[in-house]
Amino acid sequence: MKRRIFFFLERLKVTPAERKAISTLMVLLILLAICNLALKPSNPLQDEQYAELKQRFQERTAKLQAEKAARMERYFPPERKAASMMAIADTIEADTTDEKSDSETKETTTKADKSRINVNKADRETLKTLPGIGPAYSKRIIEYRQKNGGFKTIEELKKIKGIGEKRLEKLKPFVKLKDPQ
């Protein structure tokens, strides 16, 4: 058997140094395989650790949701939401009054006009209740109103820096230019 291996290696023309290197690598490979089998891989997360991680995750999620709710409350207070929803409901109601009598139509229109904000007379705090209008926009609206004597059309709101087509479309259901007599 030894003789066959010797002649096999001779035919491959492997030098003695290469034989030593190959033998060493084979021994190392076998030792690593044995160590790998002997050492049982441990479970990185035990049940207790997993439960603790899950609880920390839930606490962090609850904290982030509370922060989000606080931000939403800051930028969209409930009274502002209620006013917006009333204006939308009144607008929808006004749109569906085709079959109503003239007196009912006038009543609905008056109700919708009351919930809308007159941009020619509103103060900063009232303007801030409009969707997408904050302190900076309300200040610009008032400055424009003072320089130009008020708005003649709702489209004039586009002349205010930062108010474009999209923002104007969002504002249209909530603004008016004149109060009913």
N, C-alpha and C. Protein backbone atom coordinates (compact mmCIF):
# COMPACT_ATOMS: atom_id res chain seq x y z
N MET A 1 0.83 -1.20 0.00
CA MET A 1 0.00 0.00 0.00
C MET A 1 0.87 1.26 0.00
N LYS A 2 1.92 1.22 0.85
CA LYS A 2 2.82 2.36 0.88
C LYS A 2 3.47 2.56 -0.48
N ARG A 3 3.80 1.45 -1.07
CA ARG A 3 4.48 1.52 -2.35
C ARG A 3 3.58 2.16 -3.40
N ARG A 4 2.32 1.81 -3.41
CA ARG A 4 1.39 2.38 -4.39
C ARG A 4 1.26 3.90 -4.21
N ILE A 5 1.13 4.31 -2.95
CA ILE A 5 1.01 5.75 -2.68
C ILE A 5 2.28 6.46 -3.15
N PHE A 6 3.42 5.87 -2.86
CA PHE A 6 4.68 6.48 -3.26
C PHE A 6 4.73 6.66 -4.78
N PHE A 7 4.38 5.59 -5.52
CA PHE A 7 4.44 5.69 -6.98
C PHE A 7 3.38 6.65 -7.53
N PHE A 8 2.23 6.68 -6.84
CA PHE A 8 1.18 7.64 -7.25
C PHE A 8 1.70 9.07 -7.11
N LEU A 9 2.34 9.37 -6.00
CA LEU A 9 2.89 10.71 -5.78
C LEU A 9 4.03 10.99 -6.76
N GLU A 10 4.79 9.98 -7.10
CA GLU A 10 5.85 10.17 -8.07
C GLU A 10 5.29 10.52 -9.44
N ARG A 11 4.20 9.90 -9.82
CA ARG A 11 3.58 10.21 -11.11
C ARG A 11 3.02 11.63 -11.12
N LEU A 12 2.55 12.11 -9.97
CA LEU A 12 2.04 13.48 -9.89
C LEU A 12 3.17 14.50 -9.86
N LYS A 13 4.37 14.02 -9.61
CA LYS A 13 5.55 14.85 -9.53
C LYS A 13 5.39 15.91 -8.45
N VAL A 14 4.97 15.45 -7.24
CA VAL A 14 4.83 16.32 -6.08
C VAL A 14 6.15 16.28 -5.32
N THR A 15 6.67 17.45 -5.01
CA THR A 15 7.94 17.52 -4.29
C THR A 15 7.71 17.21 -2.82
N PRO A 16 8.76 16.85 -2.09
CA PRO A 16 8.60 16.57 -0.66
C PRO A 16 8.06 17.77 0.13
N ALA A 17 8.44 18.96 -0.21
CA ALA A 17 7.94 20.15 0.49
C ALA A 17 6.44 20.32 0.25
N GLU A 18 6.00 20.07 -0.98
CA GLU A 18 4.57 20.17 -1.29
C GLU A 18 3.79 19.09 -0.54
N ARG A 19 4.40 17.89 -0.42
CA ARG A 19 3.75 16.82 0.32
C ARG A 19 3.53 17.20 1.77
N LYS A 20 4.54 17.82 2.37
CA LYS A 20 4.43 18.25 3.77
C LYS A 20 3.33 19.30 3.92
N ALA A 21 3.28 20.25 2.99
CA ALA A 21 2.27 21.31 3.07
C ALA A 21 0.86 20.73 2.92
N ILE A 22 0.69 19.83 1.97
CA ILE A 22 -0.62 19.21 1.75
C ILE A 22 -1.01 18.39 2.97
N SER A 23 -0.06 17.64 3.51
CA SER A 23 -0.35 16.81 4.69
C SER A 23 -0.76 17.68 5.87
N THR A 24 -0.05 18.78 6.08
CA THR A 24 -0.37 19.70 7.18
C THR A 24 -1.76 20.29 7.01
N LEU A 25 -2.09 20.70 5.82
CA LEU A 25 -3.42 21.27 5.55
C LEU A 25 -4.51 20.23 5.77
N MET A 26 -4.26 18.99 5.38
CA MET A 26 -5.25 17.94 5.58
C MET A 26 -5.47 17.66 7.06
N VAL A 27 -4.38 17.64 7.83
CA VAL A 27 -4.50 17.41 9.28
C VAL A 27 -5.29 18.55 9.92
N LEU A 28 -4.98 19.78 9.55
CA LEU A 28 -5.71 20.94 10.08
C LEU A 28 -7.20 20.87 9.73
N LEU A 29 -7.49 20.49 8.52
CA LEU A 29 -8.88 20.39 8.08
C LEU A 29 -9.63 19.33 8.89
N ILE A 30 -8.99 18.22 9.13
CA ILE A 30 -9.62 17.15 9.91
C ILE A 30 -9.83 17.60 11.36
N LEU A 31 -8.84 18.27 11.94
CA LEU A 31 -8.98 18.77 13.32
C LEU A 31 -10.11 19.79 13.44
N LEU A 32 -10.21 20.68 12.49
CA LEU A 32 -11.30 21.68 12.51
C LEU A 32 -12.66 21.01 12.39
N ALA A 33 -12.76 20.00 11.56
CA ALA A 33 -14.03 19.29 11.42
C ALA A 33 -14.42 18.60 12.71
N ILE A 34 -13.43 17.98 13.37
CA ILE A 34 -13.70 17.31 14.64
C ILE A 34 -14.13 18.32 15.71
N CYS A 35 -13.43 19.44 15.77
CA CYS A 35 -13.79 20.50 16.75
C CYS A 35 -15.19 21.03 16.49
N ASN A 36 -15.52 21.19 15.25
CA ASN A 36 -16.84 21.71 14.89
C ASN A 36 -17.94 20.75 15.32
N LEU A 37 -17.71 19.47 15.13
CA LEU A 37 -18.70 18.48 15.54
C LEU A 37 -18.76 18.34 17.05
N ALA A 38 -17.59 18.46 17.69
CA ALA A 38 -17.54 18.28 19.14
C ALA A 38 -18.19 19.44 19.88
N LEU A 39 -17.97 20.62 19.38
CA LEU A 39 -18.56 21.79 20.04
C LEU A 39 -19.97 22.00 19.50
N LYS A 40 -20.92 21.83 20.36
CA LYS A 40 -22.32 21.99 19.96
C LYS A 40 -22.62 23.49 19.84
N PRO A 41 -23.13 23.95 18.70
CA PRO A 41 -23.42 25.38 18.57
C PRO A 41 -24.50 25.79 19.58
N SER A 42 -24.23 26.86 20.29
CA SER A 42 -25.18 27.31 21.31
C SER A 42 -26.24 28.21 20.69
N ASN A 43 -27.39 28.23 21.31
CA ASN A 43 -28.48 29.08 20.88
C ASN A 43 -28.16 30.51 21.31
N PRO A 44 -27.99 31.44 20.38
CA PRO A 44 -27.59 32.80 20.77
C PRO A 44 -28.65 33.52 21.61
N LEU A 45 -29.90 33.21 21.42
CA LEU A 45 -30.95 33.87 22.20
C LEU A 45 -31.75 32.83 22.97
N GLN A 46 -31.55 32.82 24.25
CA GLN A 46 -32.34 31.93 25.11
C GLN A 46 -33.75 32.52 25.22
N ASP A 47 -34.68 31.74 25.71
CA ASP A 47 -36.07 32.19 25.81
C ASP A 47 -36.19 33.44 26.67
N GLU A 48 -35.44 33.52 27.76
CA GLU A 48 -35.50 34.69 28.64
C GLU A 48 -35.01 35.93 27.92
N GLN A 49 -33.88 35.77 27.21
CA GLN A 49 -33.33 36.90 26.49
C GLN A 49 -34.29 37.36 25.39
N TYR A 50 -34.91 36.41 24.71
CA TYR A 50 -35.85 36.75 23.65
C TYR A 50 -37.04 37.53 24.22
N ALA A 51 -37.58 37.08 25.35
CA ALA A 51 -38.71 37.77 25.97
C ALA A 51 -38.32 39.18 26.38
N GLU A 52 -37.09 39.33 26.90
CA GLU A 52 -36.62 40.67 27.29
C GLU A 52 -36.49 41.57 26.08
N LEU A 53 -35.91 41.05 25.00
CA LEU A 53 -35.78 41.84 23.78
C LEU A 53 -37.15 42.24 23.20
N LYS A 54 -38.08 41.30 23.25
CA LYS A 54 -39.42 41.57 22.74
C LYS A 54 -40.10 42.67 23.56
N GLN A 55 -39.93 42.62 24.88
CA GLN A 55 -40.53 43.64 25.74
C GLN A 55 -39.90 45.00 25.47
N ARG A 56 -38.57 45.06 25.32
CA ARG A 56 -37.90 46.33 25.02
C ARG A 56 -38.37 46.88 23.67
N PHE A 57 -38.55 45.98 22.70
CA PHE A 57 -39.05 46.40 21.39
C PHE A 57 -40.44 47.01 21.51
N GLN A 58 -41.32 46.37 22.28
CA GLN A 58 -42.69 46.88 22.45
C GLN A 58 -42.68 48.22 23.18
N GLU A 59 -41.82 48.38 24.19
CA GLU A 59 -41.73 49.65 24.91
C GLU A 59 -41.26 50.76 23.97
N ARG A 60 -40.25 50.47 23.16
CA ARG A 60 -39.73 51.46 22.21
C ARG A 60 -40.79 51.82 21.17
N THR A 61 -41.52 50.82 20.71
CA THR A 61 -42.59 51.08 19.74
C THR A 61 -43.67 51.97 20.36
N ALA A 62 -44.05 51.68 21.59
CA ALA A 62 -45.06 52.50 22.26
C ALA A 62 -44.56 53.94 22.45
N LYS A 63 -43.30 54.09 22.79
CA LYS A 63 -42.72 55.42 22.97
C LYS A 63 -42.74 56.20 21.65
N LEU A 64 -42.35 55.54 20.56
CA LEU A 64 -42.35 56.19 19.25
C LEU A 64 -43.76 56.56 18.80
N GLN A 65 -44.73 55.71 19.08
CA GLN A 65 -46.11 56.02 18.73
C GLN A 65 -46.63 57.20 19.53
N ALA A 66 -46.23 57.29 20.80
CA ALA A 66 -46.63 58.43 21.63
C ALA A 66 -46.01 59.72 21.10
N GLU A 67 -44.74 59.65 20.69
CA GLU A 67 -44.09 60.83 20.12
C GLU A 67 -44.78 61.26 18.82
N LYS A 68 -45.16 60.28 18.01
CA LYS A 68 -45.85 60.59 16.76
C LYS A 68 -47.20 61.24 17.05
N ALA A 69 -47.93 60.70 18.03
CA ALA A 69 -49.23 61.27 18.40
C ALA A 69 -49.06 62.70 18.90
N ALA A 70 -47.99 62.95 19.67
CA ALA A 70 -47.75 64.31 20.17
C ALA A 70 -47.45 65.26 19.02
N ARG A 71 -46.67 64.79 18.03
CA ARG A 71 -46.39 65.64 16.86
C ARG A 71 -47.66 65.92 16.08
N MET A 72 -48.48 64.88 15.90
CA MET A 72 -49.73 65.07 15.17
C MET A 72 -50.65 66.04 15.91
N GLU A 73 -50.67 65.93 17.23
CA GLU A 73 -51.48 66.82 18.06
C GLU A 73 -50.99 68.26 17.92
N ARG A 74 -49.66 68.41 17.84
CA ARG A 74 -49.07 69.75 17.74
C ARG A 74 -49.45 70.42 16.42
N TYR A 75 -49.34 69.65 15.32
CA TYR A 75 -49.58 70.24 14.01
C TYR A 75 -51.04 70.14 13.57
N PHE A 76 -51.76 69.19 14.11
CA PHE A 76 -53.16 69.02 13.76
C PHE A 76 -53.99 68.88 15.03
N PRO A 77 -54.17 69.99 15.78
CA PRO A 77 -54.95 69.90 17.02
C PRO A 77 -56.40 69.48 16.73
N PRO A 78 -57.07 68.89 17.74
CA PRO A 78 -58.44 68.37 17.51
C PRO A 78 -59.41 69.44 17.03
N GLU A 79 -59.31 70.66 17.57
CA GLU A 79 -60.26 71.69 17.13
C GLU A 79 -60.04 72.04 15.67
N ARG A 80 -58.78 71.98 15.21
CA ARG A 80 -58.49 72.26 13.80
C ARG A 80 -59.06 71.14 12.93
N LYS A 81 -58.90 69.89 13.39
CA LYS A 81 -59.45 68.76 12.65
C LYS A 81 -60.97 68.86 12.57
N ALA A 82 -61.59 69.23 13.69
CA ALA A 82 -63.04 69.33 13.72
C ALA A 82 -63.52 70.40 12.76
N ALA A 83 -62.83 71.55 12.75
CA ALA A 83 -63.22 72.64 11.84
C ALA A 83 -63.05 72.20 10.39
N SER A 84 -61.96 71.51 10.11
CA SER A 84 -61.71 71.04 8.75
C SER A 84 -62.77 70.03 8.33
N MET A 85 -63.09 69.11 9.22
CA MET A 85 -64.08 68.08 8.90
C MET A 85 -65.46 68.71 8.70
N MET A 86 -65.79 69.72 9.51
CA MET A 86 -67.08 70.40 9.34
C MET A 86 -67.13 71.09 7.99
N ALA A 87 -66.03 71.75 7.62
CA ALA A 87 -66.00 72.45 6.34
C ALA A 87 -66.14 71.47 5.19
N ILE A 88 -65.48 70.34 5.29
CA ILE A 88 -65.59 69.33 4.24
C ILE A 88 -67.01 68.78 4.17
N ALA A 89 -67.58 68.49 5.33
CA ALA A 89 -68.95 67.97 5.36
C ALA A 89 -69.93 69.00 4.79
N ASP A 90 -69.73 70.27 5.15
CA ASP A 90 -70.61 71.31 4.63
C ASP A 90 -70.44 71.47 3.12
N THR A 91 -69.21 71.34 2.64
CA THR A 91 -68.97 71.44 1.20
C THR A 91 -69.64 70.28 0.48
N ILE A 92 -69.51 69.08 1.01
CA ILE A 92 -70.16 67.92 0.40
C ILE A 92 -71.67 68.08 0.44
N GLU A 93 -72.16 68.57 1.57
CA GLU A 93 -73.60 68.79 1.71
C GLU A 93 -74.07 69.83 0.70
N ALA A 94 -73.27 70.87 0.49
CA ALA A 94 -73.63 71.91 -0.46
C ALA A 94 -73.63 71.36 -1.88
N ASP A 95 -72.71 70.42 -2.17
CA ASP A 95 -72.65 69.83 -3.50
C ASP A 95 -73.83 68.92 -3.79
N THR A 96 -74.43 68.32 -2.78
CA THR A 96 -75.50 67.36 -3.00
C THR A 96 -76.89 67.98 -2.84
N THR A 97 -77.00 69.27 -2.90
CA THR A 97 -78.29 69.92 -2.67
C THR A 97 -79.04 70.23 -3.97
N ASP A 98 -78.74 69.51 -5.03
CA ASP A 98 -79.41 69.78 -6.31
C ASP A 98 -80.92 69.58 -6.22
N GLU A 99 -81.38 68.62 -5.44
CA GLU A 99 -82.80 68.32 -5.37
C GLU A 99 -83.52 69.08 -4.26
N LYS A 100 -82.77 69.87 -3.49
CA LYS A 100 -83.40 70.58 -2.37
C LYS A 100 -84.06 71.87 -2.85
N SER A 101 -84.91 72.39 -2.02
CA SER A 101 -85.57 73.65 -2.36
C SER A 101 -84.59 74.81 -2.21
N ASP A 102 -84.96 75.98 -2.67
CA ASP A 102 -84.10 77.16 -2.61
C ASP A 102 -83.81 77.58 -1.18
N SER A 103 -84.79 77.48 -0.29
CA SER A 103 -84.56 77.87 1.11
C SER A 103 -83.55 76.94 1.77
N GLU A 104 -83.66 75.63 1.48
CA GLU A 104 -82.70 74.68 2.05
C GLU A 104 -81.31 74.93 1.49
N THR A 105 -81.22 75.28 0.21
CA THR A 105 -79.93 75.55 -0.42
C THR A 105 -79.28 76.78 0.21
N LYS A 106 -80.06 77.83 0.44
CA LYS A 106 -79.52 79.04 1.06
C LYS A 106 -79.04 78.75 2.48
N GLU A 107 -79.78 77.94 3.21
CA GLU A 107 -79.41 77.60 4.58
C GLU A 107 -78.09 76.82 4.61
N THR A 108 -77.95 75.87 3.72
CA THR A 108 -76.73 75.06 3.64
C THR A 108 -75.54 75.92 3.24
N THR A 109 -75.74 76.81 2.26
CA THR A 109 -74.67 77.70 1.81
C THR A 109 -74.24 78.62 2.94
N THR A 110 -75.18 79.15 3.68
CA THR A 110 -74.86 80.03 4.81
C THR A 110 -74.06 79.25 5.86
N LYS A 111 -74.45 78.01 6.12
CA LYS A 111 -73.75 77.17 7.09
C LYS A 111 -72.32 76.91 6.63
N ALA A 112 -72.14 76.60 5.33
CA ALA A 112 -70.80 76.34 4.79
C ALA A 112 -69.95 77.61 4.85
N ASP A 113 -70.54 78.78 4.56
CA ASP A 113 -69.80 80.03 4.62
C ASP A 113 -69.35 80.36 6.04
N LYS A 114 -70.16 80.00 7.03
CA LYS A 114 -69.78 80.28 8.42
C LYS A 114 -68.58 79.45 8.84
N SER A 115 -68.45 78.24 8.33
CA SER A 115 -67.32 77.41 8.73
C SER A 115 -66.06 77.75 7.95
N ARG A 116 -66.18 78.46 6.86
CA ARG A 116 -65.01 78.89 6.08
C ARG A 116 -64.38 80.11 6.73
N ILE A 117 -63.11 80.29 6.44
CA ILE A 117 -62.36 81.41 7.03
C ILE A 117 -62.17 82.49 5.99
N ASN A 118 -62.50 83.71 6.37
CA ASN A 118 -62.32 84.86 5.49
C ASN A 118 -60.86 85.28 5.55
N VAL A 119 -60.13 85.07 4.45
CA VAL A 119 -58.70 85.38 4.44
C VAL A 119 -58.43 86.87 4.44
N ASN A 120 -59.45 87.69 4.13
CA ASN A 120 -59.26 89.14 4.14
C ASN A 120 -59.42 89.74 5.54
N LYS A 121 -59.97 88.98 6.50
CA LYS A 121 -60.20 89.52 7.84
C LYS A 121 -59.58 88.68 8.95
N ALA A 122 -59.19 87.46 8.68
CA ALA A 122 -58.73 86.54 9.73
C ALA A 122 -57.39 86.97 10.32
N ASP A 123 -57.25 86.73 11.63
CA ASP A 123 -55.96 87.01 12.28
C ASP A 123 -55.03 85.81 12.09
N ARG A 124 -53.80 85.93 12.61
CA ARG A 124 -52.79 84.88 12.41
C ARG A 124 -53.23 83.54 12.98
N GLU A 125 -53.80 83.55 14.18
CA GLU A 125 -54.19 82.30 14.82
C GLU A 125 -55.29 81.59 14.03
N THR A 126 -56.22 82.36 13.50
CA THR A 126 -57.29 81.77 12.70
C THR A 126 -56.74 81.20 11.40
N LEU A 127 -55.82 81.93 10.78
CA LEU A 127 -55.22 81.44 9.53
C LEU A 127 -54.42 80.16 9.75
N LYS A 128 -53.83 80.01 10.92
CA LYS A 128 -53.04 78.80 11.21
C LYS A 128 -53.91 77.55 11.26
N THR A 129 -55.21 77.70 11.45
CA THR A 129 -56.09 76.54 11.49
C THR A 129 -56.36 75.97 10.10
N LEU A 130 -56.00 76.69 9.06
CA LEU A 130 -56.17 76.19 7.70
C LEU A 130 -55.16 75.07 7.43
N PRO A 131 -55.52 74.07 6.64
CA PRO A 131 -54.59 72.97 6.37
C PRO A 131 -53.37 73.45 5.58
N GLY A 132 -52.19 73.15 6.09
CA GLY A 132 -50.95 73.51 5.41
C GLY A 132 -50.49 74.93 5.67
N ILE A 133 -51.18 75.64 6.53
CA ILE A 133 -50.79 77.02 6.84
C ILE A 133 -50.27 77.07 8.26
N GLY A 134 -49.03 77.49 8.40
CA GLY A 134 -48.41 77.62 9.71
C GLY A 134 -48.13 79.08 10.01
N PRO A 135 -47.25 79.34 10.96
CA PRO A 135 -46.95 80.72 11.35
C PRO A 135 -46.36 81.54 10.20
N ALA A 136 -45.46 80.96 9.43
CA ALA A 136 -44.81 81.71 8.35
C ALA A 136 -45.81 82.09 7.26
N TYR A 137 -46.63 81.12 6.84
CA TYR A 137 -47.61 81.40 5.79
C TYR A 137 -48.66 82.41 6.27
N SER A 138 -49.09 82.28 7.51
CA SER A 138 -50.11 83.22 8.00
C SER A 138 -49.53 84.64 8.04
N LYS A 139 -48.27 84.76 8.40
CA LYS A 139 -47.62 86.08 8.41
C LYS A 139 -47.55 86.65 6.99
N ARG A 140 -47.18 85.80 6.02
CA ARG A 140 -47.10 86.26 4.62
C ARG A 140 -48.47 86.66 4.08
N ILE A 141 -49.51 85.93 4.47
CA ILE A 141 -50.86 86.27 4.01
C ILE A 141 -51.26 87.64 4.55
N ILE A 142 -50.99 87.87 5.82
CA ILE A 142 -51.36 89.17 6.42
C ILE A 142 -50.55 90.30 5.80
N GLU A 143 -49.26 90.09 5.56
CA GLU A 143 -48.43 91.12 4.93
C GLU A 143 -48.93 91.44 3.52
N TYR A 144 -49.26 90.41 2.75
CA TYR A 144 -49.77 90.62 1.41
C TYR A 144 -51.08 91.39 1.45
N ARG A 145 -51.94 91.01 2.39
CA ARG A 145 -53.24 91.66 2.55
C ARG A 145 -53.07 93.14 2.88
N GLN A 146 -52.10 93.47 3.75
CA GLN A 146 -51.87 94.86 4.12
C GLN A 146 -51.30 95.68 2.96
N LYS A 147 -50.40 95.08 2.18
CA LYS A 147 -49.79 95.79 1.05
C LYS A 147 -50.77 96.01 -0.09
N ASN A 148 -51.61 95.03 -0.38
CA ASN A 148 -52.45 95.06 -1.58
C ASN A 148 -53.93 95.31 -1.28
N GLY A 149 -54.29 95.52 -0.03
CA GLY A 149 -55.68 95.82 0.28
C GLY A 149 -56.60 94.62 0.23
N GLY A 150 -56.11 93.43 0.47
CA GLY A 150 -56.95 92.24 0.51
C GLY A 150 -56.91 91.46 -0.78
N PHE A 151 -57.53 90.31 -0.75
CA PHE A 151 -57.57 89.42 -1.90
C PHE A 151 -58.86 89.65 -2.66
N LYS A 152 -58.76 89.76 -3.97
CA LYS A 152 -59.95 89.90 -4.81
C LYS A 152 -60.46 88.53 -5.25
N THR A 153 -59.53 87.60 -5.49
CA THR A 153 -59.89 86.23 -5.88
C THR A 153 -59.08 85.26 -5.03
N ILE A 154 -59.57 84.05 -4.94
CA ILE A 154 -58.86 83.02 -4.18
C ILE A 154 -57.56 82.66 -4.88
N GLU A 155 -57.53 82.78 -6.20
CA GLU A 155 -56.33 82.49 -6.98
C GLU A 155 -55.17 83.41 -6.60
N GLU A 156 -55.47 84.58 -6.04
CA GLU A 156 -54.42 85.52 -5.63
C GLU A 156 -53.54 84.95 -4.53
N LEU A 157 -54.03 83.95 -3.83
CA LEU A 157 -53.23 83.32 -2.78
C LEU A 157 -51.95 82.70 -3.34
N LYS A 158 -51.94 82.39 -4.64
CA LYS A 158 -50.75 81.81 -5.26
C LYS A 158 -49.60 82.82 -5.31
N LYS A 159 -49.90 84.10 -5.16
CA LYS A 159 -48.86 85.12 -5.17
C LYS A 159 -48.03 85.11 -3.89
N ILE A 160 -48.50 84.40 -2.89
CA ILE A 160 -47.78 84.30 -1.63
C ILE A 160 -46.70 83.24 -1.79
N LYS A 161 -45.49 83.58 -1.36
CA LYS A 161 -44.35 82.67 -1.51
C LYS A 161 -44.65 81.35 -0.79
N GLY A 162 -44.53 80.25 -1.53
CA GLY A 162 -44.74 78.92 -0.96
C GLY A 162 -46.12 78.34 -1.23
N ILE A 163 -47.05 79.14 -1.68
CA ILE A 163 -48.39 78.62 -1.98
C ILE A 163 -48.48 78.42 -3.49
N GLY A 164 -48.58 77.17 -3.87
CA GLY A 164 -48.69 76.82 -5.28
C GLY A 164 -50.04 76.20 -5.57
N GLU A 165 -50.13 75.53 -6.72
CA GLU A 165 -51.40 74.93 -7.13
C GLU A 165 -51.91 73.90 -6.12
N LYS A 166 -51.03 73.01 -5.69
CA LYS A 166 -51.47 71.93 -4.80
C LYS A 166 -51.98 72.48 -3.47
N ARG A 167 -51.21 73.38 -2.87
CA ARG A 167 -51.61 73.93 -1.58
C ARG A 167 -52.90 74.74 -1.74
N LEU A 168 -53.03 75.46 -2.84
CA LEU A 168 -54.24 76.25 -3.08
C LEU A 168 -55.46 75.34 -3.22
N GLU A 169 -55.31 74.22 -3.90
CA GLU A 169 -56.42 73.28 -4.05
C GLU A 169 -56.87 72.74 -2.68
N LYS A 170 -55.91 72.52 -1.77
CA LYS A 170 -56.25 72.06 -0.43
C LYS A 170 -56.96 73.16 0.36
N LEU A 171 -56.62 74.41 0.09
CA LEU A 171 -57.18 75.53 0.86
C LEU A 171 -58.56 75.96 0.37
N LYS A 172 -58.85 75.79 -0.90
CA LYS A 172 -60.09 76.32 -1.49
C LYS A 172 -61.36 75.97 -0.70
N PRO A 173 -61.54 74.73 -0.23
CA PRO A 173 -62.78 74.43 0.49
C PRO A 173 -62.90 75.12 1.85
N PHE A 174 -61.80 75.70 2.33
CA PHE A 174 -61.80 76.24 3.69
C PHE A 174 -61.74 77.77 3.74
N VAL A 175 -61.57 78.42 2.60
CA VAL A 175 -61.42 79.88 2.61
C VAL A 175 -62.54 80.56 1.84
N LYS A 176 -62.75 81.81 2.20
CA LYS A 176 -63.70 82.65 1.48
C LYS A 176 -63.13 84.06 1.47
N LEU A 177 -63.69 84.94 0.64
CA LEU A 177 -63.17 86.30 0.52
C LEU A 177 -64.08 87.34 1.15
N LYS A 178 -65.37 87.03 1.25
CA LYS A 178 -66.32 87.99 1.81
C LYS A 178 -67.22 87.28 2.80
N ASP A 179 -67.68 88.04 3.80
CA ASP A 179 -68.66 87.51 4.72
C ASP A 179 -70.06 87.74 4.15
N PRO A 180 -71.01 86.81 4.38
CA PRO A 180 -72.37 87.02 3.86
C PRO A 180 -73.03 88.19 4.58
N GLN A 181 -73.86 88.93 3.83
CA GLN A 181 -74.55 90.08 4.42
C GLN A 181 -75.79 89.65 5.15
